[in-house]
């Protein structure tokens, strides 16, 4: 296989262990080698901006990352948001009311560029990694939200996800990366849509992109890329659509695959 023009990779459960705030040493070396060889590795993650600071040293010369499941494209060098496609307050509040009526006991949060905002019933966060505001959604929703988060601790994870998706319909995009948490983006927003725009600006065709992922929120991106890899620990739905499966995240499968795919001298 010829070397890729661009690599797109999810972070949690794919490039780094879930909730990790560091890049393993071997993976970091491979990322530097690809960057030196002129192959950009773009992080395409569900993480919000507030969880990304430890990863900025690893984005390479291109300096770009896609966060919040595609809602935000960020310039790490300039530390500025290049673009955001968020959910405005009025449709977002209407959506949250519909979900609350259909799923009693659901709690809500919104991810914004300046931090996370929680409704009174949303569970406490273990580590905030950024500013946190709590209050009624109508009071705290004062800017476009990169993601609307919905939790329900008592519901079966699969049933909960299906019910949220049914209520939302085509009004927004629903996905998930951990059980019991629905992640809602603006209609049409996905990792794939943001990656496609980034590649279009750089003149890179989908066929020249390889992508790595592990969870259902990666499926659209893997389907768009010319070559799709799942890590061995990936959700079964992701393994089913991938072209191939690499070693698991804990074994640094992405880095080992890239080490083989991209020769030392291009």
Protein backbone atom coordinates (compact mmCIF):
# COMPACT_ATOMS: atom_id res chain seq x y z
CA UNK A 1 0.00 0.00 0.00
CA UNK A 2 1.30 3.46 -0.85
CA UNK A 3 1.94 5.88 1.99
CA UNK A 4 -1.10 8.01 2.94
CA UNK A 5 -1.26 11.73 2.24
CA UNK A 6 -3.04 12.32 5.55
CA UNK A 7 -3.81 10.23 8.64
CA UNK A 8 -6.91 10.85 10.76
CA UNK A 9 -7.17 9.19 14.15
CA UNK A 10 -9.51 9.15 17.08
CA UNK A 11 -7.86 9.56 20.49
CA UNK A 12 -9.60 7.74 23.38
CA UNK A 13 -9.53 3.99 23.02
CA UNK A 14 -7.73 4.30 19.69
CA UNK A 15 -4.48 6.27 19.93
CA UNK A 16 -4.40 6.59 23.73
CA UNK A 17 -6.12 4.69 26.56
CA UNK A 18 -9.51 6.09 27.57
CA UNK A 19 -9.26 9.29 29.65
CA UNK A 20 -5.47 9.31 29.29
CA UNK A 21 -3.81 12.70 29.27
CA UNK A 22 -0.57 11.61 27.63
CA UNK A 23 0.67 9.99 24.43
CA UNK A 24 2.72 6.77 24.86
CA UNK A 25 6.42 7.14 24.03
CA UNK A 26 6.51 4.89 20.95
CA UNK A 27 3.38 6.52 19.55
CA UNK A 28 4.88 9.98 20.09
CA UNK A 29 8.02 8.96 18.17
CA UNK A 30 5.98 7.65 15.24
CA UNK A 31 3.86 10.82 15.15
CA UNK A 32 7.04 12.95 15.00
CA UNK A 33 8.48 10.80 12.22
CA UNK A 34 5.36 11.11 10.10
CA UNK A 35 5.25 14.85 10.65
CA UNK A 36 8.91 15.16 9.64
CA UNK A 37 8.10 13.13 6.52
CA UNK A 38 5.31 15.53 5.60
CA UNK A 39 2.40 13.23 6.49
CA UNK A 40 0.02 15.14 8.78
CA UNK A 41 -1.68 13.16 11.53
CA UNK A 42 -4.93 14.90 12.44
CA UNK A 43 -6.58 14.12 15.76
CA UNK A 44 -10.33 13.74 15.19
CA UNK A 45 -11.93 13.26 18.58
CA UNK A 46 -15.09 13.49 20.59
CA UNK A 47 -13.11 15.23 23.31
CA UNK A 48 -13.97 18.85 24.07
CA UNK A 49 -11.35 21.58 23.88
CA UNK A 50 -10.94 21.51 27.66
CA UNK A 51 -9.45 18.00 27.42
CA UNK A 52 -6.99 18.70 24.62
CA UNK A 53 -4.13 20.74 26.11
CA UNK A 54 -1.78 17.77 26.73
CA UNK A 55 -2.11 16.74 23.08
CA UNK A 56 -1.18 20.02 21.42
CA UNK A 57 2.58 19.23 21.48
CA UNK A 58 1.81 16.20 19.27
CA UNK A 59 -0.25 17.79 16.48
CA UNK A 60 2.82 18.53 14.37
CA UNK A 61 3.51 21.33 11.92
CA UNK A 62 -0.03 21.41 10.54
CA UNK A 63 -1.32 22.36 13.99
CA UNK A 64 -4.93 21.31 13.38
CA UNK A 65 -7.35 19.13 15.33
CA UNK A 66 -11.04 18.32 15.05
CA UNK A 67 -12.78 18.09 18.43
CA UNK A 68 -16.27 17.64 19.87
CA UNK A 69 -17.20 15.01 17.25
CA UNK A 70 -16.58 17.41 14.37
CA UNK A 71 -18.25 20.54 15.73
CA UNK A 72 -14.96 22.42 16.20
CA UNK A 73 -11.83 22.67 14.08
CA UNK A 74 -9.02 24.17 16.14
CA UNK A 75 -5.64 25.75 15.35
CA UNK A 76 -3.41 24.52 18.15
CA UNK A 77 -0.50 26.81 17.22
CA UNK A 78 -2.59 29.98 17.27
CA UNK A 79 -4.87 28.62 20.02
CA UNK A 80 -7.98 29.72 18.20
CA UNK A 81 -11.18 28.17 16.92
CA UNK A 82 -11.12 28.05 13.13
CA UNK A 83 -14.73 26.99 12.82
CA UNK A 84 -17.61 25.86 15.00
CA UNK A 85 -20.92 24.40 13.94
CA UNK A 86 -22.93 24.43 17.13
CA UNK A 87 -26.46 24.09 18.41
CA UNK A 88 -28.12 27.43 19.14
CA UNK A 89 -30.07 27.93 22.34
CA UNK A 90 -33.62 28.01 20.98
CA UNK A 91 -33.56 24.73 19.01
CA UNK A 92 -31.31 23.18 21.65
CA UNK A 93 -33.70 23.93 24.49
CA UNK A 94 -36.62 22.63 22.46
CA UNK A 95 -34.67 19.44 21.78
CA UNK A 96 -33.78 18.98 25.45
CA UNK A 97 -37.43 19.45 26.47
CA UNK A 98 -38.48 16.76 23.98
CA UNK A 99 -35.88 14.35 25.35
CA UNK A 100 -36.83 15.09 28.98
CA UNK A 101 -40.50 14.43 28.22
CA UNK A 102 -39.73 11.11 26.53
CA UNK A 103 -37.04 9.97 28.99
CA UNK A 104 -37.89 11.06 32.55
CA UNK A 105 -34.79 11.39 34.69
CA UNK A 106 -32.47 12.41 31.86
CA UNK A 107 -29.96 15.11 32.73
CA UNK A 108 -28.21 17.52 30.39
CA UNK A 109 -24.97 19.39 29.82
CA UNK A 110 -23.60 21.50 27.00
CA UNK A 111 -20.02 21.71 25.80
CA UNK A 112 -19.04 25.22 24.75
CA UNK A 113 -15.74 26.67 23.61
CA UNK A 114 -15.16 28.15 27.09
CA UNK A 115 -16.02 25.02 29.09
CA UNK A 116 -18.87 22.76 30.13
CA UNK A 117 -22.22 23.84 31.55
CA UNK A 118 -24.42 21.49 33.58
CA UNK A 119 -28.08 21.44 34.47
CA UNK A 120 -28.88 21.04 38.20
CA UNK A 121 -29.25 17.25 37.92
CA UNK A 122 -26.21 16.42 35.81
CA UNK A 123 -23.71 14.24 37.72
CA UNK A 124 -20.67 15.88 39.26
CA UNK A 125 -17.58 15.78 37.08
CA UNK A 126 -14.54 13.97 38.41
CA UNK A 127 -12.01 16.33 36.85
CA UNK A 128 -13.31 19.46 35.19
CA UNK A 129 -10.23 20.38 33.11
CA UNK A 130 -11.80 23.75 32.40
CA UNK A 131 -14.52 26.08 33.57
CA UNK A 132 -17.78 24.59 34.82
CA UNK A 133 -21.10 26.39 35.20
CA UNK A 134 -24.25 24.88 36.65
CA UNK A 135 -27.82 26.11 36.34
CA UNK A 136 -31.04 25.76 34.40
CA UNK A 137 -30.29 25.14 30.73
CA UNK A 138 -32.27 28.22 29.68
CA UNK A 139 -30.03 30.36 31.91
CA UNK A 140 -26.65 28.93 30.92
CA UNK A 141 -27.18 28.33 27.19
CA UNK A 142 -25.89 31.69 25.98
CA UNK A 143 -23.70 30.62 23.05
CA UNK A 144 -23.73 27.83 20.44
CA UNK A 145 -23.06 24.46 22.04
CA UNK A 146 -20.57 22.17 20.34
CA UNK A 147 -22.40 19.23 21.93
CA UNK A 148 -25.53 18.62 23.96
CA UNK A 149 -24.85 15.77 26.38
CA UNK A 150 -27.63 13.58 27.78
CA UNK A 151 -27.14 11.15 30.65
CA UNK A 152 -29.39 8.62 32.35
CA UNK A 153 -27.68 6.41 34.90
CA UNK A 154 -30.55 3.97 35.42
CA UNK A 155 -31.50 3.19 31.82
CA UNK A 156 -30.16 0.27 29.79
CA UNK A 157 -27.45 1.82 27.62
CA UNK A 158 -28.70 0.45 24.30
CA UNK A 159 -32.34 1.27 25.01
CA UNK A 160 -31.42 4.74 26.19
CA UNK A 161 -29.39 5.44 23.08
CA UNK A 162 -32.18 4.22 20.81
CA UNK A 163 -34.79 6.33 22.61
CA UNK A 164 -32.68 9.49 22.38
CA UNK A 165 -32.08 8.88 18.67
CA UNK A 166 -35.80 8.35 18.08
CA UNK A 167 -36.73 11.60 19.82
CA UNK A 168 -34.04 13.65 18.08
CA UNK A 169 -34.75 12.29 14.60
CA UNK A 170 -33.25 14.49 11.89
CA UNK A 171 -33.19 17.62 14.05
CA UNK A 172 -29.61 16.90 15.12
CA UNK A 173 -26.90 14.21 14.99
CA UNK A 174 -26.79 11.65 17.80
CA UNK A 175 -23.82 9.43 18.53
CA UNK A 176 -22.09 7.85 21.50
CA UNK A 177 -18.64 6.84 22.67
CA UNK A 178 -19.37 5.57 26.20
CA UNK A 179 -22.43 3.72 27.57
CA UNK A 180 -25.12 5.84 29.19
CA UNK A 181 -24.11 9.08 27.49
CA UNK A 182 -25.71 10.38 24.30
CA UNK A 183 -23.71 13.04 22.45
CA UNK A 184 -25.76 15.33 20.24
CA UNK A 185 -24.27 17.63 17.58
CA UNK A 186 -25.90 20.01 15.15
CA UNK A 187 -27.60 18.40 12.16
CA UNK A 188 -25.06 17.20 9.61
CA UNK A 189 -22.10 17.48 11.97
CA UNK A 190 -19.83 14.48 12.33
CA UNK A 191 -16.16 13.62 12.40
CA UNK A 192 -16.51 12.80 8.71
CA UNK A 193 -18.02 16.15 7.72
CA UNK A 194 -15.30 18.13 9.48
CA UNK A 195 -12.50 15.93 8.15
CA UNK A 196 -13.86 16.22 4.61
CA UNK A 197 -13.84 20.03 4.85
CA UNK A 198 -10.31 20.06 6.23
CA UNK A 199 -9.06 17.78 3.45
CA UNK A 200 -10.88 19.78 0.78
CA UNK A 201 -9.08 22.94 1.92
CA UNK A 202 -5.76 21.10 1.64
CA UNK A 203 -6.57 19.52 -1.72
CA UNK A 204 -6.52 15.97 -0.33
CA UNK A 205 -8.86 13.32 -1.73
CA UNK A 206 -10.64 10.84 0.52
CA UNK A 207 -8.87 7.95 -1.22
CA UNK A 208 -5.53 9.27 0.08
CA UNK A 209 -6.66 9.36 3.73
CA UNK A 210 -6.37 6.53 6.22
CA UNK A 211 -8.37 6.66 9.44
CA UNK A 212 -8.38 4.83 12.76
CA UNK A 213 -11.19 4.49 15.30
CA UNK A 214 -12.85 2.38 17.95
CA UNK A 215 -16.40 3.56 18.69
CA UNK A 216 -19.64 4.28 16.79
CA UNK A 217 -18.88 8.02 16.65
CA UNK A 218 -15.95 7.06 14.38
CA UNK A 219 -18.03 5.13 11.84
CA UNK A 220 -18.84 8.08 9.56
CA UNK A 221 -15.17 9.09 9.44
CA UNK A 222 -14.03 5.54 8.73
CA UNK A 223 -16.62 5.23 5.99
CA UNK A 224 -15.44 8.46 4.35
CA UNK A 225 -11.70 7.71 4.41
CA UNK A 226 -10.12 5.72 1.61
CA UNK A 227 -8.78 3.15 4.09
CA UNK A 228 -10.33 2.45 7.48
CA UNK A 229 -8.73 0.67 10.43
CA UNK A 230 -10.32 -0.43 13.69
CA UNK A 231 -8.23 -1.18 16.75
CA UNK A 232 -8.72 -4.69 18.13
CA UNK A 233 -10.61 -3.36 21.17
CA UNK A 234 -13.11 -1.48 18.95
CA UNK A 235 -16.86 -1.80 19.24
CA UNK A 236 -18.18 -4.63 17.06
CA UNK A 237 -19.99 -2.15 14.78
CA UNK A 238 -16.69 -0.44 14.04
CA UNK A 239 -14.79 -3.66 13.37
CA UNK A 240 -17.58 -4.69 10.99
CA UNK A 241 -17.08 -1.72 8.65
CA UNK A 242 -13.29 -1.39 8.85
CA UNK A 243 -11.04 -2.56 6.04
CA UNK A 244 -8.66 -4.09 8.57
CA UNK A 245 -8.06 -4.43 12.31
CA UNK A 246 -4.81 -3.43 14.02
CA UNK A 247 -3.47 -4.19 17.47
CA UNK A 248 -5.45 -2.86 20.42
CA UNK A 249 -5.00 0.59 21.87
CA UNK A 250 -2.99 -0.60 24.88
CA UNK A 251 -0.53 -2.24 22.47
CA UNK A 252 -0.21 1.04 20.51
CA UNK A 253 -1.78 -0.56 17.47
CA UNK A 254 -2.18 2.70 15.53
CA UNK A 255 1.49 3.56 15.92
CA UNK A 256 2.64 0.08 14.91
CA UNK A 257 0.40 0.19 11.83
CA UNK A 258 1.73 3.61 10.83
CA UNK A 259 5.28 2.48 11.44
CA UNK A 260 4.73 -0.23 8.82
CA UNK A 261 2.61 1.78 6.39
CA UNK A 262 4.85 4.83 6.20
CA UNK A 263 8.47 3.96 5.40
CA UNK A 264 11.28 5.85 7.09
CA UNK A 265 12.18 7.52 3.78
CA UNK A 266 9.22 8.49 1.61
